[in-house]
Amino acid sequence: DVVVFNNNLFFTTFTSNTTNLCAGGGDARLYGINTGIAGAIPGSSMTAGAGALLPDSGTATVRSRILAGGGIPSSPVISMSASGGARLYVGTTNSASVQSFGIDAPTVFKKLKSWKEYIDQP
């Protein structure tokens, strides 16, 4: 499944490197690609097709990253912390852990104005 967040598309792919497709061997990759509508957001420097994933080192964003452990990847899941940071989580069939990646979140997403939860009791 594709996830859209902050004008970026996030999705995973799998390329098998074995003749036994059920074995799960292969390369899992995470993609983050800008949609090109970021120009409408004040202060944004993103352009269409630009990378949306933060690198392990350096400052330039990248379009894709190979997931550690290989195997078939899950759909990406995005979580925002109370402090406003955003992280993307992905698991694979060959990895015993969920991998976490930092992603950019604009400041306008970082303010919780109110919260009300209503649970209907029969």
Protein backbone atom coordinates (compact mmCIF):
# COMPACT_ATOMS: atom_id res chain seq x y z
CA ASP A 1 0.00 0.00 0.00
CA VAL A 2 1.13 3.53 -0.73
CA VAL A 3 1.22 6.02 2.15
CA VAL A 4 0.95 9.77 1.44
CA PHE A 5 2.37 12.16 4.03
CA ASN A 6 3.58 15.75 3.72
CA ASN A 7 3.21 15.68 -0.10
CA ASN A 8 5.38 12.55 -0.35
CA LEU A 9 4.54 9.03 -1.49
CA PHE A 10 6.04 6.19 0.55
CA PHE A 11 5.89 2.58 -0.64
CA THR A 12 7.86 -0.67 -0.58
CA THR A 13 8.89 -3.10 -3.31
CA PHE A 14 10.36 -6.59 -3.41
CA THR A 15 12.65 -8.11 -6.03
CA SER A 16 13.16 -11.86 -5.74
CA ASN A 17 16.67 -13.23 -6.21
CA THR A 18 15.69 -16.88 -6.13
CA THR A 19 13.69 -19.27 -8.27
CA ASN A 20 11.65 -20.32 -5.21
CA LEU A 21 9.38 -17.31 -4.71
CA CYS A 22 7.95 -18.78 -1.49
CA ALA A 23 11.39 -18.69 0.15
CA GLY A 24 11.21 -14.90 0.48
CA GLY A 25 14.82 -14.32 -0.57
CA GLY A 26 15.44 -11.04 -2.32
CA ASP A 27 15.79 -7.31 -1.93
CA ALA A 28 13.26 -5.21 -0.05
CA ARG A 29 13.33 -1.53 -0.86
CA LEU A 30 11.60 1.51 0.64
CA TYR A 31 10.81 4.48 -1.63
CA GLY A 32 10.01 8.07 -0.71
CA ILE A 33 9.17 10.35 -3.63
CA ASN A 34 7.88 13.92 -3.62
CA THR A 35 4.57 14.41 -5.43
CA GLY A 36 5.47 17.78 -6.88
CA ILE A 37 2.74 19.81 -5.19
CA ALA A 38 5.06 21.00 -2.44
CA GLY A 39 5.63 24.24 -4.32
CA ALA A 40 2.24 25.36 -3.02
CA ILE A 41 3.53 25.10 0.57
CA PRO A 42 5.33 28.23 1.81
CA GLY A 43 8.99 27.58 2.61
CA SER A 44 9.17 24.23 0.80
CA SER A 45 12.17 23.54 -1.42
CA MET A 46 11.01 20.11 -2.65
CA THR A 47 10.54 19.44 -6.35
CA ALA A 48 8.57 16.73 -8.17
CA GLY A 49 10.33 13.38 -8.10
CA ALA A 50 12.83 14.45 -5.45
CA GLY A 51 13.78 12.04 -2.69
CA ALA A 52 11.81 12.16 0.56
CA LEU A 53 13.85 9.81 2.79
CA LEU A 54 16.49 11.11 5.16
CA PRO A 55 19.89 9.43 4.58
CA ASP A 56 21.95 7.51 7.15
CA SER A 57 24.55 10.27 6.90
CA GLY A 58 24.69 13.64 5.20
CA THR A 59 21.81 16.01 4.55
CA ALA A 60 20.56 15.29 1.00
CA THR A 61 17.34 13.29 0.88
CA VAL A 62 17.26 10.06 -1.13
CA ARG A 63 14.53 8.38 -3.21
CA SER A 64 15.07 4.80 -2.00
CA ARG A 65 16.80 2.67 0.60
CA ILE A 66 17.44 -1.07 0.69
CA LEU A 67 15.91 -2.59 3.84
CA ALA A 68 18.21 -4.61 6.07
CA GLY A 69 17.55 -8.34 6.26
CA GLY A 70 15.76 -8.59 2.91
CA GLY A 71 12.55 -10.51 2.45
CA ILE A 72 9.09 -9.28 1.58
CA PRO A 73 8.42 -5.86 3.16
CA SER A 74 5.29 -4.65 4.91
CA SER A 75 3.48 -1.50 3.93
CA PRO A 76 5.02 1.60 5.50
CA VAL A 77 3.43 3.00 8.66
CA ILE A 78 3.94 6.61 9.75
CA SER A 79 3.89 7.76 13.35
CA MET A 80 4.24 11.27 14.76
CA SER A 81 5.56 11.81 18.25
CA ALA A 82 4.20 14.29 20.77
CA SER A 83 7.27 16.45 20.13
CA GLY A 84 6.33 16.65 16.43
CA GLY A 85 8.93 14.40 14.82
CA ALA A 86 7.76 11.89 12.23
CA ARG A 87 9.07 8.35 11.70
CA LEU A 88 8.27 5.71 9.13
CA TYR A 89 8.23 2.01 10.15
CA VAL A 90 8.65 -1.05 7.90
CA GLY A 91 9.13 -4.74 8.66
CA THR A 92 10.30 -7.58 6.41
CA THR A 93 9.70 -11.32 6.45
CA ASN A 94 13.42 -12.08 6.96
CA SER A 95 14.02 -9.54 9.74
CA ALA A 96 13.11 -10.09 13.37
CA SER A 97 12.66 -6.36 13.94
CA VAL A 98 10.82 -3.37 12.55
CA GLN A 99 13.05 -0.78 10.88
CA SER A 100 12.56 2.91 11.59
CA PHE A 101 13.37 5.88 9.33
CA GLY A 102 13.19 9.58 10.03
CA ILE A 103 11.05 11.61 7.64
CA ASP A 104 10.41 15.33 7.40
CA ALA A 105 7.26 16.76 8.96
CA PRO A 106 6.31 20.42 8.56
CA THR A 107 5.83 22.55 11.66
CA VAL A 108 2.11 22.99 10.96
CA PHE A 109 1.62 19.26 11.67
CA LYS A 110 3.35 19.52 15.03
CA LYS A 111 0.65 21.29 17.04
CA LEU A 112 -2.15 19.36 18.71
CA LYS A 113 -4.93 21.85 19.34
CA SER A 114 -7.46 19.60 21.00
CA TRP A 115 -8.44 16.01 21.53
CA LYS A 116 -11.80 14.48 22.33
CA GLU A 117 -12.58 10.80 22.36
CA TYR A 118 -16.12 9.54 22.47
CA ILE A 119 -16.90 5.87 23.07
CA ASP A 120 -20.52 4.89 22.53
CA GLN A 121 -21.73 2.61 25.34
CA PRO A 122 -24.76 0.40 24.52
